[in-house]
Protein backbone atom coordinates (compact mmCIF):
# COMPACT_ATOMS: atom_id res chain seq x y z
CA MET A 1 -17.47 -6.92 -19.70
CA THR A 2 -19.96 -6.43 -22.51
CA ALA A 3 -21.51 -8.79 -25.01
CA GLU A 4 -22.20 -8.05 -28.63
CA LYS A 5 -25.79 -7.46 -29.65
CA GLY A 6 -27.58 -9.35 -32.38
CA LYS A 7 -26.26 -12.75 -33.31
CA THR A 8 -24.15 -13.16 -30.20
CA SER A 9 -26.82 -12.29 -27.64
CA THR A 10 -29.56 -14.43 -29.24
CA ASP A 11 -27.40 -17.46 -30.10
CA PRO A 12 -27.29 -19.96 -27.19
CA GLY A 13 -24.13 -21.59 -28.57
CA MET A 14 -22.30 -18.29 -28.71
CA ALA A 15 -23.50 -17.37 -25.22
CA LYS A 16 -22.09 -20.66 -23.95
CA LEU A 17 -18.79 -20.04 -25.76
CA ARG A 18 -18.55 -16.58 -24.24
CA ALA A 19 -19.14 -17.98 -20.75
CA GLU A 20 -16.44 -20.62 -21.28
CA ILE A 21 -13.99 -17.94 -22.43
CA ILE A 22 -14.66 -15.81 -19.36
CA LYS A 23 -14.14 -18.83 -17.13
CA VAL A 24 -10.72 -19.48 -18.68
CA SER A 25 -9.71 -15.83 -18.37
CA LYS A 26 -10.29 -15.89 -14.60
CA ASP A 27 -7.20 -18.06 -14.20
CA VAL A 28 -5.08 -15.03 -15.16
CA LYS A 29 -4.44 -12.21 -12.71
CA GLY A 30 -4.82 -9.28 -15.06
CA GLN A 31 -7.28 -7.64 -17.44
CA MET A 32 -8.36 -9.43 -20.61
CA GLY A 33 -9.76 -7.92 -23.77
CA LEU A 34 -11.08 -10.15 -26.55
CA TYR A 35 -12.56 -9.76 -29.99
CA MET A 36 -13.64 -12.77 -32.01
CA LYS A 37 -15.45 -12.87 -35.32
CA HIS A 38 -16.36 -15.77 -37.54
CA VAL A 39 -15.75 -14.21 -40.93
CA GLU A 40 -18.26 -16.19 -42.98
CA SER A 41 -21.26 -16.03 -40.62
CA GLY A 42 -20.57 -12.72 -38.90
CA ARG A 43 -21.00 -14.25 -35.45
CA GLN A 44 -18.85 -12.42 -32.95
CA ILE A 45 -17.97 -11.96 -29.31
CA SER A 46 -16.43 -8.93 -27.63
CA ILE A 47 -15.26 -8.97 -24.03
CA ASP A 48 -13.85 -5.53 -23.32
CA GLY A 49 -12.91 -5.59 -26.98
CA ASP A 50 -13.03 -1.81 -27.23
CA LYS A 51 -10.73 -1.18 -24.29
CA ILE A 52 -7.25 0.14 -25.08
CA PHE A 53 -4.27 -2.17 -24.51
CA PRO A 54 -0.51 -1.88 -25.00
CA LEU A 55 0.11 -3.74 -28.25
CA GLY A 56 3.62 -5.10 -27.86
CA SER A 57 4.77 -6.58 -31.16
CA VAL A 58 1.20 -6.81 -32.46
CA PHE A 59 1.84 -3.30 -33.81
CA LYS A 60 3.94 -4.99 -36.50
CA ILE A 61 0.76 -6.17 -38.25
CA PRO A 62 -0.43 -2.69 -39.33
CA LEU A 63 3.18 -1.69 -39.99
CA MET A 64 3.44 -4.64 -42.39
CA VAL A 65 0.14 -3.67 -44.02
CA GLU A 66 1.40 -0.12 -44.65
CA VAL A 67 4.64 -1.44 -46.18
CA PHE A 68 2.60 -3.52 -48.63
CA ARG A 69 0.36 -0.52 -49.34
CA GLN A 70 3.33 1.65 -50.22
CA ALA A 71 4.74 -1.11 -52.41
CA GLU A 72 1.44 -1.24 -54.30
CA GLU A 73 1.55 2.54 -54.74
CA GLY A 74 5.11 2.40 -56.07
CA LEU A 75 6.54 4.38 -53.15
CA ILE A 76 8.91 1.56 -52.25
CA SER A 77 9.95 -1.74 -53.80
CA MET A 78 10.11 -5.10 -52.10
CA ASP A 79 13.53 -5.48 -53.72
CA GLU A 80 14.83 -2.15 -52.41
CA LYS A 81 17.85 -2.61 -50.18
CA LEU A 82 18.22 -0.88 -46.82
CA ARG A 83 21.56 -0.65 -45.04
CA LEU A 84 21.82 -1.65 -41.38
CA GLU A 85 23.26 1.32 -39.49
CA GLY A 86 24.12 1.99 -35.87
CA ARG A 87 21.04 4.08 -35.18
CA ASN A 88 18.79 1.21 -36.38
CA TYR A 89 19.84 -1.31 -33.76
CA CYS A 90 17.16 -2.29 -31.27
CA ILE A 91 17.46 -4.73 -28.39
CA GLY A 92 14.81 -7.27 -27.43
CA SER A 93 13.71 -9.88 -29.95
CA GLY A 94 15.38 -10.58 -33.26
CA VAL A 95 18.75 -11.50 -34.74
CA LEU A 96 19.75 -8.34 -36.63
CA GLN A 97 20.94 -6.70 -33.41
CA TYR A 98 23.79 -9.24 -33.34
CA LEU A 99 24.91 -8.68 -36.94
CA SER A 100 27.50 -6.21 -38.24
CA PRO A 101 26.57 -2.73 -39.50
CA GLY A 102 26.68 -2.21 -43.24
CA LEU A 103 24.63 -5.32 -44.00
CA GLU A 104 22.13 -4.70 -46.80
CA LEU A 105 18.70 -6.30 -46.67
CA THR A 106 15.74 -5.98 -49.00
CA VAL A 107 12.39 -4.69 -47.80
CA LYS A 108 11.08 -8.23 -48.31
CA ASP A 109 13.90 -9.62 -46.13
CA LEU A 110 13.07 -7.15 -43.36
CA LEU A 111 9.35 -7.97 -43.49
CA THR A 112 10.18 -11.65 -43.20
CA LEU A 113 12.41 -11.08 -40.17
CA MET A 114 9.93 -8.70 -38.55
CA ILE A 115 7.01 -11.12 -38.72
CA ILE A 116 8.57 -14.57 -38.61
CA ALA A 117 11.22 -13.75 -35.99
CA THR A 118 9.52 -10.59 -34.58
CA ASP A 119 12.78 -8.72 -35.18
CA ASN A 120 12.74 -5.28 -33.55
CA THR A 121 15.64 -3.93 -35.60
CA ALA A 122 13.85 -4.95 -38.80
CA SER A 123 10.71 -3.08 -37.71
CA GLU A 124 12.83 -0.04 -36.85
CA MET A 125 14.39 0.01 -40.33
CA LEU A 126 11.09 -0.47 -42.15
CA TRP A 127 9.22 2.10 -40.09
CA LYS A 128 11.84 4.79 -40.59
CA ARG A 129 11.80 4.06 -44.32
CA ILE A 130 8.04 4.39 -44.83
CA GLY A 131 7.58 7.30 -42.40
CA ILE A 132 6.62 7.11 -38.73
CA GLN A 133 3.24 8.83 -39.17
CA ARG A 134 2.15 6.67 -42.10
CA VAL A 135 0.91 3.78 -39.95
CA ASN A 136 -1.46 6.04 -38.03
CA MET A 137 -2.62 7.55 -41.32
CA LEU A 138 -3.42 4.04 -42.57
CA ILE A 139 -5.35 3.26 -39.40
CA ARG A 140 -7.48 6.40 -39.74
CA GLU A 141 -8.14 5.64 -43.43
CA LEU A 142 -9.44 2.23 -42.35
CA GLY A 143 -11.84 3.96 -39.96
CA LEU A 144 -10.21 2.88 -36.70
CA ALA A 145 -10.43 5.58 -34.04
CA LYS A 146 -8.79 4.19 -30.89
CA THR A 147 -5.55 2.68 -32.15
CA SER A 148 -2.40 4.81 -31.97
CA ILE A 149 0.84 3.45 -33.43
CA TYR A 150 3.67 5.96 -33.46
CA LEU A 151 6.42 4.62 -31.17
CA PRO A 152 9.38 2.75 -32.73
CA TRP A 153 10.75 0.27 -30.23
CA ARG A 154 14.33 1.57 -30.19
CA GLU A 155 13.02 4.88 -28.87
CA GLY A 156 10.49 3.05 -26.71
CA PHE A 157 13.18 0.97 -25.02
CA LEU A 158 15.24 4.10 -24.38
CA LEU A 159 12.24 5.81 -22.79
CA THR A 160 11.64 2.85 -20.47
CA MET A 161 15.29 3.11 -19.43
CA GLY A 162 14.69 6.63 -18.15
CA MET A 163 16.47 8.33 -21.04
CA GLY A 164 15.33 11.42 -22.86
CA PRO A 165 13.33 14.08 -20.97
CA PHE A 166 12.45 11.77 -18.06
CA LYS A 167 15.92 11.41 -16.57
CA GLY A 168 15.71 11.46 -12.79
CA ARG A 169 11.91 11.27 -12.71
CA SER A 170 9.92 8.50 -11.08
CA VAL A 171 8.05 6.01 -13.25
CA GLN A 172 4.74 7.44 -12.07
CA GLU A 173 5.75 11.00 -12.89
CA ALA A 174 7.13 10.05 -16.31
CA ALA A 175 3.93 8.15 -17.12
CA ARG A 176 1.75 11.04 -15.99
CA ILE A 177 3.67 13.53 -18.13
CA TRP A 178 3.67 11.26 -21.18
CA LYS A 179 -0.08 10.66 -20.98
CA GLY A 180 -0.69 14.41 -20.97
CA LEU A 181 1.35 15.13 -24.09
CA SER A 182 -0.09 15.66 -27.56
CA ASP A 183 1.01 13.47 -30.46
CA ILE A 184 3.08 16.37 -31.81
CA GLU A 185 4.85 16.79 -28.45
CA ARG A 186 5.53 13.06 -28.28
CA MET A 187 6.94 13.00 -31.80
CA LYS A 188 9.26 15.87 -30.89
CA ILE A 189 10.59 13.88 -27.92
CA LEU A 190 11.08 10.78 -30.07
CA ASN A 191 13.00 12.78 -32.68
CA GLU A 192 15.21 14.25 -29.96
CA ILE A 193 15.94 10.79 -28.53
CA ASP A 194 16.73 9.50 -32.01
CA ARG A 195 19.30 12.27 -32.49
CA GLU A 196 20.74 12.17 -28.97
CA TYR A 197 21.38 8.42 -28.95
CA ALA A 198 22.19 7.91 -32.64
CA ASN A 199 25.75 6.87 -31.76
CA LEU A 200 24.83 4.59 -28.85
CA SER A 201 26.29 1.19 -29.68
CA VAL A 202 23.98 -1.79 -29.44
CA GLU A 203 26.39 -3.40 -26.95
CA GLU A 204 26.13 -0.39 -24.64
CA PHE A 205 22.38 -0.22 -25.25
CA ARG A 206 22.00 -3.85 -24.18
CA ARG A 207 24.35 -3.47 -21.21
CA ARG A 208 22.41 -0.53 -19.79
CA TYR A 209 19.09 -2.31 -20.22
CA GLU A 210 20.29 -5.52 -18.61
CA ASN A 211 21.79 -3.57 -15.70
CA LEU A 212 18.33 -2.15 -15.05
CA TYR A 213 16.15 -5.19 -15.70
CA GLY A 214 18.38 -8.27 -15.82
CA LEU A 215 19.43 -10.61 -18.58
CA LYS A 216 15.92 -12.06 -18.76
CA GLU A 217 14.14 -8.94 -17.49
CA GLU A 218 13.85 -10.56 -14.08
CA LYS A 219 14.60 -7.40 -12.11
CA LYS A 220 12.17 -4.68 -11.10
CA PHE A 221 9.16 -6.25 -12.81
CA LYS A 222 6.73 -3.74 -11.36
CA THR A 223 8.82 -0.78 -12.48
CA GLN A 224 9.24 -2.13 -15.98
CA ARG A 225 5.55 -3.04 -16.16
CA GLU A 226 4.51 0.52 -15.31
CA TYR A 227 6.73 1.83 -18.10
CA ASP A 228 5.60 -0.74 -20.65
CA GLN A 229 1.90 -0.10 -20.03
CA VAL A 230 2.41 3.56 -21.03
CA PHE A 231 5.40 3.76 -23.39
CA ASP A 232 4.00 1.46 -26.03
CA ASN A 233 1.80 1.58 -29.09
CA LEU A 234 -1.84 1.29 -28.14
CA GLY A 235 -4.88 -0.39 -29.67
CA THR A 236 -7.98 -2.43 -29.02
CA PRO A 237 -8.64 -6.11 -29.69
CA ARG A 238 -11.55 -5.19 -31.97
CA GLU A 239 -9.55 -2.77 -34.10
CA MET A 240 -6.66 -5.19 -34.53
CA GLY A 241 -9.22 -7.81 -35.53
CA LEU A 242 -10.81 -5.43 -38.02
CA ILE A 243 -7.43 -4.84 -39.67
CA LEU A 244 -6.99 -8.59 -40.10
CA GLU A 245 -10.50 -8.91 -41.52
CA LYS A 246 -9.86 -6.08 -43.98
CA VAL A 247 -6.66 -7.83 -45.07
CA LEU A 248 -8.63 -11.03 -45.64
CA ASN A 249 -11.32 -9.19 -47.63
CA GLY A 250 -8.91 -7.20 -49.80
CA GLU A 251 -10.01 -3.90 -48.25
CA ALA A 252 -6.71 -2.83 -46.66
CA VAL A 253 -4.45 -4.03 -49.47
CA SER A 254 -4.96 -5.96 -52.69
CA SER A 255 -5.94 -9.62 -52.48
CA GLU A 256 -2.46 -10.58 -53.71
CA SER A 257 -0.76 -8.54 -50.97
CA GLY A 258 -3.22 -9.87 -48.41
CA THR A 259 -2.28 -13.42 -49.35
CA GLN A 260 1.40 -12.61 -48.81
CA ILE A 261 0.67 -10.96 -45.44
CA ILE A 262 -1.26 -13.98 -44.21
CA ALA A 263 1.44 -16.34 -45.50
CA LEU A 264 4.07 -14.51 -43.44
CA MET A 265 1.88 -14.69 -40.34
CA MET A 266 1.40 -18.41 -40.86
CA ARG A 267 5.18 -18.85 -40.60
CA ASN A 268 5.50 -16.91 -37.35
CA VAL A 269 7.97 -18.77 -35.12
CA SER A 270 7.77 -16.50 -32.06
CA ASP A 271 5.90 -17.36 -28.88
CA SER A 272 2.46 -17.56 -30.47
CA SER A 273 0.08 -19.39 -28.18
CA ALA A 274 -2.94 -19.64 -30.49
CA SER A 275 -1.97 -22.99 -32.00
CA HIS A 276 -0.67 -24.66 -28.83
CA TYR A 277 -3.76 -26.83 -28.24
CA LEU A 278 -4.71 -27.22 -31.89
CA SER A 279 -3.70 -30.16 -34.03
CA ASP A 280 -0.85 -29.68 -36.47
CA ASP A 281 -3.17 -29.69 -39.48
CA VAL A 282 -5.08 -26.60 -38.27
CA VAL A 283 -3.70 -23.53 -40.01
CA VAL A 284 -3.16 -20.44 -37.85
CA ALA A 285 -1.86 -17.05 -38.96
CA SER A 286 -0.92 -15.00 -35.92
CA LYS A 287 1.30 -12.38 -34.33
CA SER A 288 2.03 -12.24 -30.62
CA GLY A 289 3.25 -9.40 -28.45
CA ILE A 290 4.77 -9.76 -24.99
CA THR A 291 6.11 -7.04 -22.69
CA ALA A 292 6.20 -6.69 -18.92
CA GLY A 293 2.59 -7.08 -17.82
CA THR A 294 1.24 -7.57 -21.33
CA VAL A 295 0.58 -10.76 -23.34
CA ASN A 296 -1.24 -10.42 -26.66
CA ASN A 297 -2.12 -12.60 -29.59
CA ALA A 298 -3.88 -11.49 -32.78
CA GLY A 299 -4.59 -13.91 -35.58
CA ILE A 300 -6.80 -15.97 -37.82
CA ILE A 301 -7.77 -19.59 -37.21
CA TYR A 302 -8.64 -21.57 -40.33
CA VAL A 303 -11.30 -23.97 -39.09
CA SER A 304 -11.56 -25.08 -42.71
CA PRO A 305 -10.81 -23.46 -46.08
CA LYS A 306 -14.32 -21.95 -45.97
CA SER A 307 -14.53 -21.20 -42.26
CA ARG A 308 -12.19 -18.63 -40.70
CA VAL A 309 -12.17 -16.97 -37.30
CA VAL A 310 -10.42 -13.72 -36.45
CA LEU A 311 -9.35 -13.93 -32.81
CA CYS A 312 -7.56 -11.24 -30.81
CA VAL A 313 -6.89 -11.97 -27.12
CA PHE A 314 -5.02 -9.32 -25.13
CA PHE A 315 -3.98 -9.26 -21.47
CA LYS A 316 -2.61 -6.24 -19.61
CA ASN A 317 -1.75 -5.26 -16.04
CA LEU A 318 -0.56 -8.80 -15.31
CA VAL A 319 0.67 -9.15 -11.75
CA GLU A 320 3.21 -11.91 -12.37
CA LYS A 321 6.55 -11.82 -14.16
CA SER A 322 5.88 -14.99 -16.10
CA PRO A 323 3.64 -14.71 -19.20
CA GLU A 324 2.91 -18.43 -19.24
CA LYS A 325 -0.50 -18.30 -17.53
CA ALA A 326 -1.79 -15.71 -19.98
CA GLN A 327 -0.37 -17.64 -22.93
CA LEU A 328 -1.98 -20.82 -21.63
CA ALA A 329 -5.32 -19.01 -21.37
CA GLU A 330 -4.96 -17.72 -24.94
CA ALA A 331 -4.27 -21.26 -26.14
CA LYS A 332 -7.32 -22.64 -24.31
CA ILE A 333 -9.51 -19.89 -25.74
CA ALA A 334 -8.28 -20.62 -29.26
CA ARG A 335 -9.18 -24.28 -28.75
CA LEU A 336 -12.65 -23.39 -27.44
CA VAL A 337 -13.25 -21.19 -30.47
CA TYR A 338 -12.01 -23.82 -32.90
CA ASP A 339 -14.11 -26.57 -31.32
CA HIS A 340 -17.22 -24.40 -31.46
CA PHE A 341 -16.94 -23.52 -35.13
CA SER A 342 -15.73 -26.92 -36.26
CA LYS A 343 -19.01 -28.35 -34.96
CA ALA A 344 -21.39 -25.46 -35.68
CA PRO A 345 -22.84 -24.82 -39.13
CA VAL A 346 -21.25 -21.85 -40.87
CA PHE A 347 -24.59 -20.22 -41.62
C-alpha cells in the first residue's frame, strides 16, 4: 500500500485517517483499493489506488458521461426513443428484463433506469446506441491510461457462462486466453457472441445462468469469481475518482450536464453502502458495483455545500460469497472520511 506525497504525508490528521481506513479494511478477506480526494483543499489518500480492479456496475458512470457528451454534441437526443428488442435483454439487476419487447423508452428514461436501478438491459441499449468504443475514447481524452471499458454485460454474462469461443475450456484456461488477447481480438469475439445469441430469449438466458450458479448465485462461487475477475470492465479507484472530479468541475461535460449526472447518482437506490452510517441529511451521490468476489463503491460525499469528498473504495478477490463485510467496511470508511472533514478546516 502506498501513501500520497505532499499534503497527505505531511498532514498528521490525514495520516491518522489513512491508518484508520487500513484498520477497517483488514476486516475484509480480499484486496482493497481506495482513492479519496477532498475537492476544495486537494487533500487526498490513495491505498493501492492505481491498482486495476473489476468495475462491476461502476462502469455505468463513464457510460453515462459519454451519453451526456454525445447529447451535448447533437449526436443523440435525450428524447430519442429506443425500442427494447430481444438481443438487448440482459439478466442480473434491473426491471427491463421482465418487460415485453417492443417497449419504447427515451434515452433519458434509460439513463434513469441504468443509474437509479442499475438496470443492465438499459446500459446494454444505451451502449449499443452510442457505440461500444466511444466510452474508451472518452476515457483516453480525459487522460486516463489504465481504465478499459469495452464489455457490455449481456456479452459478459454469456462469456462467464462458458459460451462463445471458450466452450469446453476450464475457467483458468479461458481467463488465460482472454488476458492474452488484444482489444481488437476481444471486440471480434464480442461481436460474434452478439450475433450468435441474438435470438436467445431472456427466459432461456436466465434459466441457463441459474442452472450454473443458482437463483441467488449461491453455486460455484469460486468458479464464478474467477470468471468475474477477468470478464469485466477494468479500472482503478483513482481514475474513477478523477472522472467524478472532472464531472464536478465541468471538465468532462458541461456544468449543466454535470449537475444532471450528479442528481441521478444522488437518487441511486441500489445497494450503495456509502451512506449507511451517515445521517439522512448528508447528501451522497454514488454508484455501486457488485459481482462475485468484487464489491465497489464510487461517489461523492457532500460534507457541506462547500466541502465535497470524492471517495472510491473497491474490493476484489473476496474469499466469501456474501458481500456484506466489504459493504460494511465501505460504509465505515465513508463515515471516517465524513467525520474527518466535517471537523477539519477546508483550507
